């Protein structure tokens, strides 16, 4: 289950990364991979010129740079802040990924080697919030990446947990979502209950047809059980909900599978998030060229505009979906909290 190995076809790097320990580690780890110096990880001319059909090949590249922006964004769902952290993008190729809209800029995996700078700001804000607000703030560190996946390349998640939780008096919590099952490296860490892991799930049919390069449903469920056994706080995202034909049966089967296979410890206090899919014209154009045999997620009968070139499910569809998920989750997980349905 934990055998994932990513070896990039090429590495594009900013020259200053060799001045950081992580940069040196990655250069040594991938010493036989072709490397190309770039000025800015946000603007790689070679990739900008690629055609849409080249998208899967581009996903095999690795970009290494330093994060310049460290602005925290207030959030009011499962965290207090959305935090720019040690990576952006992913190696997976989910057909709905919002980063795909700018695939030649940011959907491929970018690693930022100035991790100390990223974490130090979190530590500073967490302690300040506790001093001034008397609260332990929650920091979302995986809003535009998958840290379980990234950890297989950089060990950054192990490094983060060790350094964030090193002081038993450290205030605040870190949280992140994932679609990957490679959690073994963090199971034995001393996390002091400060880490909240949220596993994203979908029916196996949708995973197979839409979430290319991610872990299987049964492996994700097993990972949730292992994390809970290791003392982590865990949540489940049913996301993104895709209203395909026969969606009610598919998602009922998913919820029944969760009920059957999640451990009793998980079912005691797991929480849920439910997110309906949004889509765009750019998604459609890229996907039809990059994945010509894949299903088309745009449905003009069910979707409506939500801004230029962007789509969401119509209100009546969303309301039907919200009613369905509230009823089913309350029935099968009566002791669990639904944080939000959006």
C-alpha atoms as a PDB file:
ATOM      1  CA  UNK A   1       0.000   0.000   0.000  1.00  0.00           C
ATOM      2  CA  UNK A   2       2.818   2.445   0.801  1.00  0.00           C
ATOM      3  CA  UNK A   3       4.999   1.696  -2.208  1.00  0.00           C
ATOM      4  CA  UNK A   4       4.466   5.011  -4.009  1.00  0.00           C
ATOM      5  CA  UNK A   5       7.657   6.238  -5.631  1.00  0.00           C
ATOM      6  CA  UNK A   6       7.830   9.388  -7.740  1.00  0.00           C
ATOM      7  CA  UNK A   7      10.872   9.861  -9.922  1.00  0.00           C
ATOM      8  CA  UNK A   8      10.616  13.006 -12.040  1.00  0.00           C
ATOM      9  CA  UNK A   9      11.490  13.070 -15.711  1.00  0.00           C
ATOM     10  CA  UNK A  10      13.087  16.479 -15.265  1.00  0.00           C
ATOM     11  CA  UNK A  11      13.747  19.018 -12.517  1.00  0.00           C
ATOM     12  CA  UNK A  12      13.371  22.768 -12.975  1.00  0.00           C
ATOM     13  CA  UNK A  13      14.995  24.739 -10.162  1.00  0.00           C
ATOM     14  CA  UNK A  14      15.745  28.239  -8.970  1.00  0.00           C
ATOM     15  CA  UNK A  15      19.475  28.622  -8.426  1.00  0.00           C
ATOM     16  CA  UNK A  16      19.208  29.657  -4.764  1.00  0.00           C
ATOM     17  CA  UNK A  17      17.675  26.302  -3.722  1.00  0.00           C
ATOM     18  CA  UNK A  18      21.148  24.769  -3.438  1.00  0.00           C
ATOM     19  CA  UNK A  19      21.726  27.041  -0.432  1.00  0.00           C
ATOM     20  CA  UNK A  20      19.083  25.174   1.575  1.00  0.00           C
ATOM     21  CA  UNK A  21      19.470  21.783   3.241  1.00  0.00           C
ATOM     22  CA  UNK A  22      16.334  20.432   1.578  1.00  0.00           C
ATOM     23  CA  UNK A  23      17.528  21.660  -1.802  1.00  0.00           C
ATOM     24  CA  UNK A  24      20.781  19.792  -1.365  1.00  0.00           C
ATOM     25  CA  UNK A  25      18.910  16.662  -0.273  1.00  0.00           C
ATOM     26  CA  UNK A  26      16.675  16.726  -3.350  1.00  0.00           C
ATOM     27  CA  UNK A  27      19.595  17.308  -5.685  1.00  0.00           C
ATOM     28  CA  UNK A  28      21.345  14.314  -4.199  1.00  0.00           C
ATOM     29  CA  UNK A  29      18.208  12.164  -4.230  1.00  0.00           C
ATOM     30  CA  UNK A  30      17.612  12.919  -7.914  1.00  0.00           C
ATOM     31  CA  UNK A  31      21.242  13.330  -8.958  1.00  0.00           C
ATOM     32  CA  UNK A  32      20.687  11.347 -12.173  1.00  0.00           C
ATOM     33  CA  UNK A  33      17.589  13.359 -13.243  1.00  0.00           C
ATOM     34  CA  UNK A  34      18.099  16.111 -15.877  1.00  0.00           C
ATOM     35  CA  UNK A  35      18.025  19.583 -14.287  1.00  0.00           C
ATOM     36  CA  UNK A  36      17.272  22.981 -15.771  1.00  0.00           C
ATOM     37  CA  UNK A  37      17.802  26.296 -14.016  1.00  0.00           C
ATOM     38  CA  UNK A  38      14.888  28.756 -14.064  1.00  0.00           C
ATOM     39  CA  UNK A  39      14.447  32.309 -12.831  1.00  0.00           C
ATOM     40  CA  UNK A  40      11.028  31.904 -11.243  1.00  0.00           C
ATOM     41  CA  UNK A  41       8.955  28.832 -10.365  1.00  0.00           C
ATOM     42  CA  UNK A  42       5.834  30.833 -11.270  1.00  0.00           C
ATOM     43  CA  UNK A  43       6.924  31.467 -14.825  1.00  0.00           C
ATOM     44  CA  UNK A  44       8.524  28.573 -16.674  1.00  0.00           C
ATOM     45  CA  UNK A  45       8.478  29.530 -20.336  1.00  0.00           C
ATOM     46  CA  UNK A  46       9.006  26.003 -21.634  1.00  0.00           C
ATOM     47  CA  UNK A  47       5.873  24.786 -19.853  1.00  0.00           C
ATOM     48  CA  UNK A  48       3.773  27.781 -20.818  1.00  0.00           C
ATOM     49  CA  UNK A  49       4.304  26.892 -24.472  1.00  0.00           C
ATOM     50  CA  UNK A  50       3.178  23.276 -24.099  1.00  0.00           C
ATOM     51  CA  UNK A  51      -0.057  22.146 -25.688  1.00  0.00           C
ATOM     52  CA  UNK A  52      -2.904  20.797 -23.589  1.00  0.00           C
ATOM     53  CA  UNK A  53      -2.208  17.239 -24.693  1.00  0.00           C
ATOM     54  CA  UNK A  54       1.211  17.483 -22.993  1.00  0.00           C
ATOM     55  CA  UNK A  55      -0.373  17.838 -19.566  1.00  0.00           C
ATOM     56  CA  UNK A  56       0.243  14.240 -18.344  1.00  0.00           C
ATOM     57  CA  UNK A  57       3.932  14.493 -19.320  1.00  0.00           C
ATOM     58  CA  UNK A  58       4.275  17.839 -17.571  1.00  0.00           C
ATOM     59  CA  UNK A  59       2.961  16.248 -14.402  1.00  0.00           C
ATOM     60  CA  UNK A  60       6.107  14.116 -14.371  1.00  0.00           C
ATOM     61  CA  UNK A  61       8.305  17.176 -13.826  1.00  0.00           C
ATOM     62  CA  UNK A  62       9.371  18.496 -10.434  1.00  0.00           C
ATOM     63  CA  UNK A  63       9.842  22.181  -9.726  1.00  0.00           C
ATOM     64  CA  UNK A  64      12.091  23.260  -6.845  1.00  0.00           C
ATOM     65  CA  UNK A  65      12.111  26.836  -5.601  1.00  0.00           C
ATOM     66  CA  UNK A  66      11.582  29.085  -2.605  1.00  0.00           C
ATOM     67  CA  UNK A  67       8.236  30.371  -1.440  1.00  0.00           C
ATOM     68  CA  UNK A  68       8.119  34.148  -1.605  1.00  0.00           C
ATOM     69  CA  UNK A  69       4.547  34.705  -0.438  1.00  0.00           C
ATOM     70  CA  UNK A  70       3.652  33.925   3.176  1.00  0.00           C
ATOM     71  CA  UNK A  71       0.285  35.672   3.486  1.00  0.00           C
ATOM     72  CA  UNK A  72      -2.227  33.903   5.727  1.00  0.00           C
ATOM     73  CA  UNK A  73      -5.872  33.979   4.626  1.00  0.00           C
ATOM     74  CA  UNK A  74      -8.644  33.880   7.219  1.00  0.00           C
ATOM     75  CA  UNK A  75     -10.853  30.805   6.993  1.00  0.00           C
ATOM     76  CA  UNK A  76     -13.979  29.779   8.841  1.00  0.00           C
ATOM     77  CA  UNK A  77     -14.544  26.141   7.989  1.00  0.00           C
ATOM     78  CA  UNK A  78     -12.125  23.674   9.565  1.00  0.00           C
ATOM     79  CA  UNK A  79      -9.320  26.159  10.202  1.00  0.00           C
ATOM     80  CA  UNK A  80      -8.659  29.747  11.179  1.00  0.00           C
ATOM     81  CA  UNK A  81      -6.073  30.320   8.459  1.00  0.00           C
ATOM     82  CA  UNK A  82      -5.181  29.019   5.010  1.00  0.00           C
ATOM     83  CA  UNK A  83      -1.390  28.950   5.035  1.00  0.00           C
ATOM     84  CA  UNK A  84       1.059  28.898   2.105  1.00  0.00           C
ATOM     85  CA  UNK A  85       3.334  26.009   2.957  1.00  0.00           C
ATOM     86  CA  UNK A  86       6.052  23.733   1.585  1.00  0.00           C
ATOM     87  CA  UNK A  87       4.503  22.683  -1.720  1.00  0.00           C
ATOM     88  CA  UNK A  88       1.938  23.508  -4.354  1.00  0.00           C
ATOM     89  CA  UNK A  89       0.381  21.242  -6.932  1.00  0.00           C
ATOM     90  CA  UNK A  90       0.522  17.486  -7.036  1.00  0.00           C
ATOM     91  CA  UNK A  91       1.572  14.488  -9.098  1.00  0.00           C
ATOM     92  CA  UNK A  92      -2.020  13.224  -9.376  1.00  0.00           C
ATOM     93  CA  UNK A  93      -4.276  14.222 -12.270  1.00  0.00           C
ATOM     94  CA  UNK A  94      -7.795  14.694 -10.924  1.00  0.00           C
ATOM     95  CA  UNK A  95      -9.979  15.959 -13.748  1.00  0.00           C
ATOM     96  CA  UNK A  96     -11.647  18.611 -11.581  1.00  0.00           C
ATOM     97  CA  UNK A  97      -8.544  20.045  -9.833  1.00  0.00           C
ATOM     98  CA  UNK A  98      -8.805  23.829  -9.647  1.00  0.00           C
ATOM     99  CA  UNK A  99      -5.067  24.156 -10.287  1.00  0.00           C
ATOM    100  CA  UNK A 100      -5.586  22.587 -13.705  1.00  0.00           C
ATOM    101  CA  UNK A 101      -7.077  25.902 -14.821  1.00  0.00           C
ATOM    102  CA  UNK A 102      -3.515  27.201 -14.783  1.00  0.00           C
ATOM    103  CA  UNK A 103      -1.849  23.885 -15.578  1.00  0.00           C
ATOM    104  CA  UNK A 104       1.168  25.475 -17.213  1.00  0.00           C
ATOM    105  CA  UNK A 105       1.744  27.555 -14.113  1.00  0.00           C
ATOM    106  CA  UNK A 106       0.885  25.671 -10.982  1.00  0.00           C
ATOM    107  CA  UNK A 107      -0.730  22.235 -11.257  1.00  0.00           C
ATOM    108  CA  UNK A 108       2.570  20.384 -11.450  1.00  0.00           C
ATOM    109  CA  UNK A 109       4.355  19.704  -8.173  1.00  0.00           C
ATOM    110  CA  UNK A 110       6.413  22.566  -6.802  1.00  0.00           C
ATOM    111  CA  UNK A 111       8.558  22.050  -3.704  1.00  0.00           C
ATOM    112  CA  UNK A 112       9.627  25.059  -1.637  1.00  0.00           C
ATOM    113  CA  UNK A 113      12.866  24.468   0.229  1.00  0.00           C
ATOM    114  CA  UNK A 114      12.608  27.384   2.704  1.00  0.00           C
ATOM    115  CA  UNK A 115      10.482  25.285   5.034  1.00  0.00           C
ATOM    116  CA  UNK A 116      11.940  26.859   8.195  1.00  0.00           C
ATOM    117  CA  UNK A 117      10.611  30.258   7.136  1.00  0.00           C
ATOM    118  CA  UNK A 118       7.183  28.767   6.405  1.00  0.00           C
ATOM    119  CA  UNK A 119       6.893  27.008   9.756  1.00  0.00           C
ATOM    120  CA  UNK A 120       8.361  29.819  11.849  1.00  0.00           C
ATOM    121  CA  UNK A 121       5.566  32.157  10.823  1.00  0.00           C
ATOM    122  CA  UNK A 122       2.964  29.566  11.866  1.00  0.00           C
ATOM    123  CA  UNK A 123       4.651  29.140  15.241  1.00  0.00           C
ATOM    124  CA  UNK A 124       4.750  32.901  15.747  1.00  0.00           C
ATOM    125  CA  UNK A 125       1.101  33.488  14.815  1.00  0.00           C
ATOM    126  CA  UNK A 126      -0.095  30.487  16.855  1.00  0.00           C
ATOM    127  CA  UNK A 127       1.562  31.750  20.014  1.00  0.00           C
ATOM    128  CA  UNK A 128       0.438  35.341  19.396  1.00  0.00           C
ATOM    129  CA  UNK A 129      -3.172  34.237  18.934  1.00  0.00           C
ATOM    130  CA  UNK A 130      -3.047  32.331  22.201  1.00  0.00           C
ATOM    131  CA  UNK A 131      -1.572  35.305  24.049  1.00  0.00           C
ATOM    132  CA  UNK A 132      -4.010  37.869  22.660  1.00  0.00           C
ATOM    133  CA  UNK A 133      -7.151  35.854  21.915  1.00  0.00           C
ATOM    134  CA  UNK A 134      -6.719  32.999  24.397  1.00  0.00           C
ATOM    135  CA  UNK A 135      -7.441  30.480  21.664  1.00  0.00           C
ATOM    136  CA  UNK A 136      -5.498  27.770  19.864  1.00  0.00           C
ATOM    137  CA  UNK A 137      -5.793  28.598  16.193  1.00  0.00           C
ATOM    138  CA  UNK A 138      -5.964  25.959  13.456  1.00  0.00           C
ATOM    139  CA  UNK A 139      -3.691  26.323  10.418  1.00  0.00           C
ATOM    140  CA  UNK A 140      -4.598  24.680   7.100  1.00  0.00           C
ATOM    141  CA  UNK A 141      -1.235  23.792   5.538  1.00  0.00           C
ATOM    142  CA  UNK A 142      -2.500  21.680   2.626  1.00  0.00           C
ATOM    143  CA  UNK A 143      -5.021  23.838   0.788  1.00  0.00           C
ATOM    144  CA  UNK A 144      -3.129  23.751  -2.530  1.00  0.00           C
ATOM    145  CA  UNK A 145      -1.083  20.576  -2.231  1.00  0.00           C
ATOM    146  CA  UNK A 146      -1.158  17.073  -0.768  1.00  0.00           C
ATOM    147  CA  UNK A 147       1.308  16.761   2.086  1.00  0.00           C
ATOM    148  CA  UNK A 148       1.078  12.968   2.375  1.00  0.00           C
ATOM    149  CA  UNK A 149       2.119  12.736  -1.252  1.00  0.00           C
ATOM    150  CA  UNK A 150       4.781  15.427  -0.846  1.00  0.00           C
ATOM    151  CA  UNK A 151       6.197  13.658   2.203  1.00  0.00           C
ATOM    152  CA  UNK A 152       7.174  10.657   0.059  1.00  0.00           C
ATOM    153  CA  UNK A 153       9.505  13.002  -1.822  1.00  0.00           C
ATOM    154  CA  UNK A 154      10.755  15.425   0.836  1.00  0.00           C
ATOM    155  CA  UNK A 155       9.874  13.973   4.278  1.00  0.00           C
ATOM    156  CA  UNK A 156       8.556  17.484   4.954  1.00  0.00           C
ATOM    157  CA  UNK A 157       5.501  16.263   6.839  1.00  0.00           C
ATOM    158  CA  UNK A 158       7.667  14.254   9.226  1.00  0.00           C
ATOM    159  CA  UNK A 159       9.895  17.318   9.636  1.00  0.00           C
ATOM    160  CA  UNK A 160       6.863  19.562  10.197  1.00  0.00           C
ATOM    161  CA  UNK A 161       5.227  17.385  12.833  1.00  0.00           C
ATOM    162  CA  UNK A 162       8.498  16.892  14.675  1.00  0.00           C
ATOM    163  CA  UNK A 163       9.268  20.605  14.746  1.00  0.00           C
ATOM    164  CA  UNK A 164       5.739  21.878  15.394  1.00  0.00           C
ATOM    165  CA  UNK A 165       5.097  19.425  18.205  1.00  0.00           C
ATOM    166  CA  UNK A 166       8.608  19.452  19.659  1.00  0.00           C
ATOM    167  CA  UNK A 167       7.542  21.788  22.451  1.00  0.00           C
ATOM    168  CA  UNK A 168       4.725  20.156  24.470  1.00  0.00           C
ATOM    169  CA  UNK A 169       3.473  23.672  25.306  1.00  0.00           C
ATOM    170  CA  UNK A 170       3.194  24.725  21.656  1.00  0.00           C
ATOM    171  CA  UNK A 171      -0.166  26.298  20.926  1.00  0.00           C
ATOM    172  CA  UNK A 172      -2.280  25.760  17.842  1.00  0.00           C
ATOM    173  CA  UNK A 173      -3.126  22.910  15.488  1.00  0.00           C
ATOM    174  CA  UNK A 174      -2.128  21.968  11.949  1.00  0.00           C
ATOM    175  CA  UNK A 175      -4.562  20.374   9.516  1.00  0.00           C
ATOM    176  CA  UNK A 176      -4.426  19.147   5.931  1.00  0.00           C
ATOM    177  CA  UNK A 177      -6.489  17.024   3.522  1.00  0.00           C
ATOM    178  CA  UNK A 178      -5.170  14.108   1.463  1.00  0.00           C
ATOM    179  CA  UNK A 179      -6.179  11.582  -1.180  1.00  0.00           C
ATOM    180  CA  UNK A 180      -3.202   9.341  -0.441  1.00  0.00           C
ATOM    181  CA  UNK A 181      -2.657   6.421   1.899  1.00  0.00           C
ATOM    182  CA  UNK A 182       1.112   6.611   2.517  1.00  0.00           C
ATOM    183  CA  UNK A 183       0.861   7.471   6.209  1.00  0.00           C
ATOM    184  CA  UNK A 184       3.245   4.957   7.778  1.00  0.00           C
ATOM    185  CA  UNK A 185       6.089   7.472   8.143  1.00  0.00           C
ATOM    186  CA  UNK A 186       4.073   9.663  10.512  1.00  0.00           C
ATOM    187  CA  UNK A 187       2.385   7.001  12.644  1.00  0.00           C
ATOM    188  CA  UNK A 188       5.079   6.777  15.319  1.00  0.00           C
ATOM    189  CA  UNK A 189       5.700  10.521  15.646  1.00  0.00           C
ATOM    190  CA  UNK A 190       5.022  12.395  18.872  1.00  0.00           C
ATOM    191  CA  UNK A 191       2.281  14.702  17.625  1.00  0.00           C
ATOM    192  CA  UNK A 192       0.661  15.574  20.968  1.00  0.00           C
ATOM    193  CA  UNK A 193      -2.802  15.675  19.376  1.00  0.00           C
ATOM    194  CA  UNK A 194      -1.866  18.805  17.442  1.00  0.00           C
ATOM    195  CA  UNK A 195      -2.339  17.384  13.941  1.00  0.00           C
ATOM    196  CA  UNK A 196      -5.723  16.943  12.214  1.00  0.00           C
ATOM    197  CA  UNK A 197      -5.694  14.734   9.104  1.00  0.00           C
ATOM    198  CA  UNK A 198      -8.700  14.860   6.772  1.00  0.00           C
ATOM    199  CA  UNK A 199      -9.043  12.073   4.231  1.00  0.00           C
ATOM    200  CA  UNK A 200     -10.845  12.884   0.993  1.00  0.00           C
ATOM    201  CA  UNK A 201     -13.031  10.059  -0.321  1.00  0.00           C
ATOM    202  CA  UNK A 202     -15.244   9.348  -3.308  1.00  0.00           C
ATOM    203  CA  UNK A 203     -16.978   6.252  -4.670  1.00  0.00           C
ATOM    204  CA  UNK A 204     -14.443   3.836  -6.153  1.00  0.00           C
ATOM    205  CA  UNK A 205     -16.001   4.286  -9.597  1.00  0.00           C
ATOM    206  CA  UNK A 206     -15.330   8.019  -9.481  1.00  0.00           C
ATOM    207  CA  UNK A 207     -11.798   7.520  -8.154  1.00  0.00           C
ATOM    208  CA  UNK A 208     -11.044   5.208 -11.058  1.00  0.00           C
ATOM    209  CA  UNK A 209     -12.519   7.478 -13.722  1.00  0.00           C
ATOM    210  CA  UNK A 210     -11.721  10.934 -12.375  1.00  0.00           C
ATOM    211  CA  UNK A 211      -8.992  10.937  -9.703  1.00  0.00           C
ATOM    212  CA  UNK A 212      -6.065   9.588 -11.716  1.00  0.00           C
ATOM    213  CA  UNK A 213      -2.948   8.747  -9.745  1.00  0.00           C
ATOM    214  CA  UNK A 214      -4.501   8.766  -6.268  1.00  0.00           C
ATOM    215  CA  UNK A 215      -4.919   5.983  -3.698  1.00  0.00           C
ATOM    216  CA  UNK A 216      -7.741   3.433  -3.854  1.00  0.00           C
ATOM    217  CA  UNK A 217     -10.728   3.903  -1.566  1.00  0.00           C
ATOM    218  CA  UNK A 218      -9.977   0.842   0.578  1.00  0.00           C
ATOM    219  CA  UNK A 219      -6.402   2.049   1.072  1.00  0.00           C
ATOM    220  CA  UNK A 220      -7.601   5.500   2.116  1.00  0.00           C
ATOM    221  CA  UNK A 221      -9.971   3.940   4.657  1.00  0.00           C
ATOM    222  CA  UNK A 222      -7.189   1.751   6.030  1.00  0.00           C
ATOM    223  CA  UNK A 223      -5.018   4.870   6.368  1.00  0.00           C
ATOM    224  CA  UNK A 224      -7.744   6.637   8.369  1.00  0.00           C
ATOM    225  CA  UNK A 225      -7.932   3.697  10.772  1.00  0.00           C
ATOM    226  CA  UNK A 226      -4.143   3.634  11.189  1.00  0.00           C
ATOM    227  CA  UNK A 227      -3.980   7.370  11.829  1.00  0.00           C
ATOM    228  CA  UNK A 228      -6.701   7.165  14.459  1.00  0.00           C
ATOM    229  CA  UNK A 229      -4.962   4.248  16.135  1.00  0.00           C
ATOM    230  CA  UNK A 230      -1.830   6.403  16.256  1.00  0.00           C
ATOM    231  CA  UNK A 231      -3.768   9.089  18.107  1.00  0.00           C
ATOM    232  CA  UNK A 232      -4.321  11.580  15.314  1.00  0.00           C
ATOM    233  CA  UNK A 233      -7.505  13.593  15.055  1.00  0.00           C
ATOM    234  CA  UNK A 234      -9.210  12.577  11.805  1.00  0.00           C
ATOM    235  CA  UNK A 235     -11.928  13.876   9.541  1.00  0.00           C
ATOM    236  CA  UNK A 236     -13.439  12.756   6.249  1.00  0.00           C
ATOM    237  CA  UNK A 237     -14.135  14.906   3.205  1.00  0.00           C
ATOM    238  CA  UNK A 238     -16.674  13.567   0.771  1.00  0.00           C
ATOM    239  CA  UNK A 239     -15.256  15.682  -1.989  1.00  0.00           C
ATOM    240  CA  UNK A 240     -15.869  16.703  -4.559  1.00  0.00           C
ATOM    241  CA  UNK A 241     -19.345  15.296  -4.924  1.00  0.00           C
ATOM    242  CA  UNK A 242     -19.987  14.661  -8.620  1.00  0.00           C
ATOM    243  CA  UNK A 243     -23.608  14.261  -9.673  1.00  0.00           C
ATOM    244  CA  UNK A 244     -23.056  11.539 -12.196  1.00  0.00           C
ATOM    245  CA  UNK A 245     -25.765   9.198 -13.357  1.00  0.00           C
ATOM    246  CA  UNK A 246     -26.875   6.999 -10.469  1.00  0.00           C
ATOM    247  CA  UNK A 247     -25.063   9.292  -7.980  1.00  0.00           C
ATOM    248  CA  UNK A 248     -27.406   8.525  -5.095  1.00  0.00           C
ATOM    249  CA  UNK A 249     -26.638   4.813  -5.229  1.00  0.00           C
ATOM    250  CA  UNK A 250     -22.910   5.451  -5.632  1.00  0.00           C
ATOM    251  CA  UNK A 251     -22.679   7.763  -2.625  1.00  0.00           C
ATOM    252  CA  UNK A 252     -24.967   5.621  -0.494  1.00  0.00           C
ATOM    253  CA  UNK A 253     -22.654   2.701  -1.200  1.00  0.00           C
ATOM    254  CA  UNK A 254     -19.701   4.899  -0.227  1.00  0.00           C
ATOM    255  CA  UNK A 255     -21.282   5.865   3.086  1.00  0.00           C
ATOM    256  CA  UNK A 256     -22.208   2.236   3.789  1.00  0.00           C
ATOM    257  CA  UNK A 257     -18.623   1.192   3.019  1.00  0.00           C
ATOM    258  CA  UNK A 258     -17.297   3.811   5.446  1.00  0.00           C
ATOM    259  CA  UNK A 259     -19.709   2.586   8.108  1.00  0.00           C
ATOM    260  CA  UNK A 260     -18.572  -1.004   7.570  1.00  0.00           C
ATOM    261  CA  UNK A 261     -14.813  -0.518   7.286  1.00  0.00           C
ATOM    262  CA  UNK A 262     -13.964   2.396   9.551  1.00  0.00           C
ATOM    263  CA  UNK A 263     -12.812   1.308  12.987  1.00  0.00           C
ATOM    264  CA  UNK A 264     -15.030   1.820  16.017  1.00  0.00           C
ATOM    265  CA  UNK A 265     -12.519   4.362  17.331  1.00  0.00           C
ATOM    266  CA  UNK A 266     -12.849   6.435  14.171  1.00  0.00           C
ATOM    267  CA  UNK A 267     -16.647   6.269  14.212  1.00  0.00           C
ATOM    268  CA  UNK A 268     -16.783   7.623  17.770  1.00  0.00           C
ATOM    269  CA  UNK A 269     -15.777  11.168  16.824  1.00  0.00           C
ATOM    270  CA  UNK A 270     -14.922  11.500  13.137  1.00  0.00           C
ATOM    271  CA  UNK A 271     -16.264  14.666  11.497  1.00  0.00           C
ATOM    272  CA  UNK A 272     -17.428  15.178   7.912  1.00  0.00           C
ATOM    273  CA  UNK A 273     -17.083  17.845   5.240  1.00  0.00           C
ATOM    274  CA  UNK A 274     -19.077  17.649   2.007  1.00  0.00           C
ATOM    275  CA  UNK A 275     -18.052  19.697  -1.034  1.00  0.00           C
ATOM    276  CA  UNK A 276     -19.875  19.791  -4.360  1.00  0.00           C
ATOM    277  CA  UNK A 277     -17.748  19.919  -7.483  1.00  0.00           C
ATOM    278  CA  UNK A 278     -17.108  23.152  -9.366  1.00  0.00           C
ATOM    279  CA  UNK A 279     -15.780  23.103 -12.890  1.00  0.00           C
ATOM    280  CA  UNK A 280     -14.694  25.390 -15.709  1.00  0.00           C
ATOM    281  CA  UNK A 281     -14.461  25.841 -19.458  1.00  0.00           C
ATOM    282  CA  UNK A 282     -10.666  25.576 -19.170  1.00  0.00           C
ATOM    283  CA  UNK A 283     -11.012  22.184 -17.475  1.00  0.00           C
ATOM    284  CA  UNK A 284     -13.104  20.962 -20.379  1.00  0.00           C
ATOM    285  CA  UNK A 285     -10.663  22.128 -23.047  1.00  0.00           C
ATOM    286  CA  UNK A 286      -7.577  20.754 -21.307  1.00  0.00           C
ATOM    287  CA  UNK A 287      -9.146  17.445 -20.292  1.00  0.00           C
ATOM    288  CA  UNK A 288     -10.564  16.644 -23.717  1.00  0.00           C
ATOM    289  CA  UNK A 289      -7.087  17.010 -25.239  1.00  0.00           C
ATOM    290  CA  UNK A 290      -4.998  15.571 -22.398  1.00  0.00           C
ATOM    291  CA  UNK A 291      -7.422  12.722 -21.573  1.00  0.00           C
ATOM    292  CA  UNK A 292      -9.449  12.106 -24.750  1.00  0.00           C
ATOM    293  CA  UNK A 293     -10.937   8.868 -23.414  1.00  0.00           C
ATOM    294  CA  UNK A 294     -11.980  10.253 -20.042  1.00  0.00           C
ATOM    295  CA  UNK A 295     -15.531  11.145 -19.085  1.00  0.00           C
ATOM    296  CA  UNK A 296     -16.760  14.715 -19.529  1.00  0.00           C
ATOM    297  CA  UNK A 297     -17.603  16.219 -16.145  1.00  0.00           C
ATOM    298  CA  UNK A 298     -19.470  19.188 -17.605  1.00  0.00           C
ATOM    299  CA  UNK A 299     -23.228  18.726 -17.633  1.00  0.00           C
ATOM    300  CA  UNK A 300     -25.168  21.681 -19.050  1.00  0.00           C
ATOM    301  CA  UNK A 301     -28.437  20.325 -17.682  1.00  0.00           C
ATOM    302  CA  UNK A 302     -27.166  20.271 -14.089  1.00  0.00           C
ATOM    303  CA  UNK A 303     -24.719  23.191 -14.056  1.00  0.00           C
ATOM    304  CA  UNK A 304     -24.953  26.960 -14.127  1.00  0.00           C
ATOM    305  CA  UNK A 305     -22.431  29.798 -14.377  1.00  0.00           C
ATOM    306  CA  UNK A 306     -20.570  31.082 -11.332  1.00  0.00           C
ATOM    307  CA  UNK A 307     -18.365  33.661 -12.995  1.00  0.00           C
ATOM    308  CA  UNK A 308     -16.608  33.896 -16.314  1.00  0.00           C
ATOM    309  CA  UNK A 309     -15.989  30.427 -17.701  1.00  0.00           C
ATOM    310  CA  UNK A 310     -16.755  28.726 -14.385  1.00  0.00           C
ATOM    311  CA  UNK A 311     -19.608  26.443 -13.440  1.00  0.00           C
ATOM    312  CA  UNK A 312     -21.330  25.055 -10.375  1.00  0.00           C
ATOM    313  CA  UNK A 313     -24.285  22.761  -9.873  1.00  0.00           C
ATOM    314  CA  UNK A 314     -27.676  24.452  -9.981  1.00  0.00           C
ATOM    315  CA  UNK A 315     -29.266  25.360  -6.653  1.00  0.00           C
ATOM    316  CA  UNK A 316     -31.949  22.696  -6.908  1.00  0.00           C
ATOM    317  CA  UNK A 317     -29.309  20.004  -7.482  1.00  0.00           C
ATOM    318  CA  UNK A 318     -27.219  21.268  -4.571  1.00  0.00           C
ATOM    319  CA  UNK A 319     -30.244  21.354  -2.277  1.00  0.00           C
ATOM    320  CA  UNK A 320     -31.143  17.800  -3.245  1.00  0.00           C
ATOM    321  CA  UNK A 321     -27.551  16.761  -2.587  1.00  0.00           C
ATOM    322  CA  UNK A 322     -27.425  18.501   0.779  1.00  0.00           C
ATOM    323  CA  UNK A 323     -30.647  16.814   1.901  1.00  0.00           C
ATOM    324  CA  UNK A 324     -29.314  13.440   0.781  1.00  0.00           C
ATOM    325  CA  UNK A 325     -25.986  13.732   2.593  1.00  0.00           C
ATOM    326  CA  UNK A 326     -27.460  15.105   5.795  1.00  0.00           C
ATOM    327  CA  UNK A 327     -29.996  12.297   5.957  1.00  0.00           C
ATOM    328  CA  UNK A 328     -27.538   9.519   5.163  1.00  0.00           C
ATOM    329  CA  UNK A 329     -24.684  10.752   7.346  1.00  0.00           C
ATOM    330  CA  UNK A 330     -26.992  11.348  10.304  1.00  0.00           C
ATOM    331  CA  UNK A 331     -28.396   7.846   9.839  1.00  0.00           C
ATOM    332  CA  UNK A 332     -25.099   5.987   9.470  1.00  0.00           C
ATOM    333  CA  UNK A 333     -22.930   8.231  11.678  1.00  0.00           C
ATOM    334  CA  UNK A 334     -25.327   9.638  14.306  1.00  0.00           C
ATOM    335  CA  UNK A 335     -22.482  10.633  16.650  1.00  0.00           C
ATOM    336  CA  UNK A 336     -20.497  12.531  14.042  1.00  0.00           C
ATOM    337  CA  UNK A 337     -20.574  16.230  13.242  1.00  0.00           C
ATOM    338  CA  UNK A 338     -21.115  17.566   9.720  1.00  0.00           C
ATOM    339  CA  UNK A 339     -18.877  20.653   9.655  1.00  0.00           C
ATOM    340  CA  UNK A 340     -20.341  21.999   6.435  1.00  0.00           C
ATOM    341  CA  UNK A 341     -21.920  21.088   3.102  1.00  0.00           C
ATOM    342  CA  UNK A 342     -21.052  23.491   0.271  1.00  0.00           C
END
